[in-house]
Amino acid sequence: KLLSLLVYPLSLSLLLCLLALLFSRLRWARASFYTLLLATAWLYLCSTALFANFLMGTLERGFVPRAMSVIAPADAIVLLGGATRGDTHMGTLPDLNQHADRLVHAVALYKAGKAPVIVLTGGAFEDARPEAQQMQDVLAVMGVPAQHLMLENKSRNTHDNAANTAQLLKA
């Protein structure tokens, strides 16, 4: 885990700044200047939308969205958790995060008749309400009947989601 921190732009830039400080102490002014320049340039580059979009594009290039018409029917749609921030104190629905598009896509698949049931996955920590139940509330507002939803609310991670959902679907 420590080695992976070196890949993050801020961590790498800070390490380069420390290296520049070391070069400065050794009176290597030119090396110190260029190392500090590299740290600043790297941090700036990684902070731009252009670079972020380029990186996302390289990751998403192999997963081009498909038209709904070419998606084959299935027995169930599995909707993984990770789309909510938890229940809100003021509202009746959970607070959604940047991954909430998975909820919309699951409902689109369901309404297109691609599967008769949606399996909602996601457990909870301690006294919180399971994420599967939170997503159930949102899908109800989106028009998915409760009898077409199955809840897997014991999992804490993606591996548990897969294992518990497999057991649920086999039953």
Foldseek 3Di string as FASTA:
>chain_A
DVVVQCVDLVNVLVVLQVVLVVCVVVVVPVSSVVSNVVSVVSNVLVPDPVNVVVVVCVVCVVPDDDDLVPDAADAEAEQEDPQFPACDPPDDATHGDPPVVSLVVRVVNCVVVSHQAYEYEFADPDPGHTRSVRSVVVVVVVPDDPVRYHYHHPDDDPVCSVVSVVVVVVD
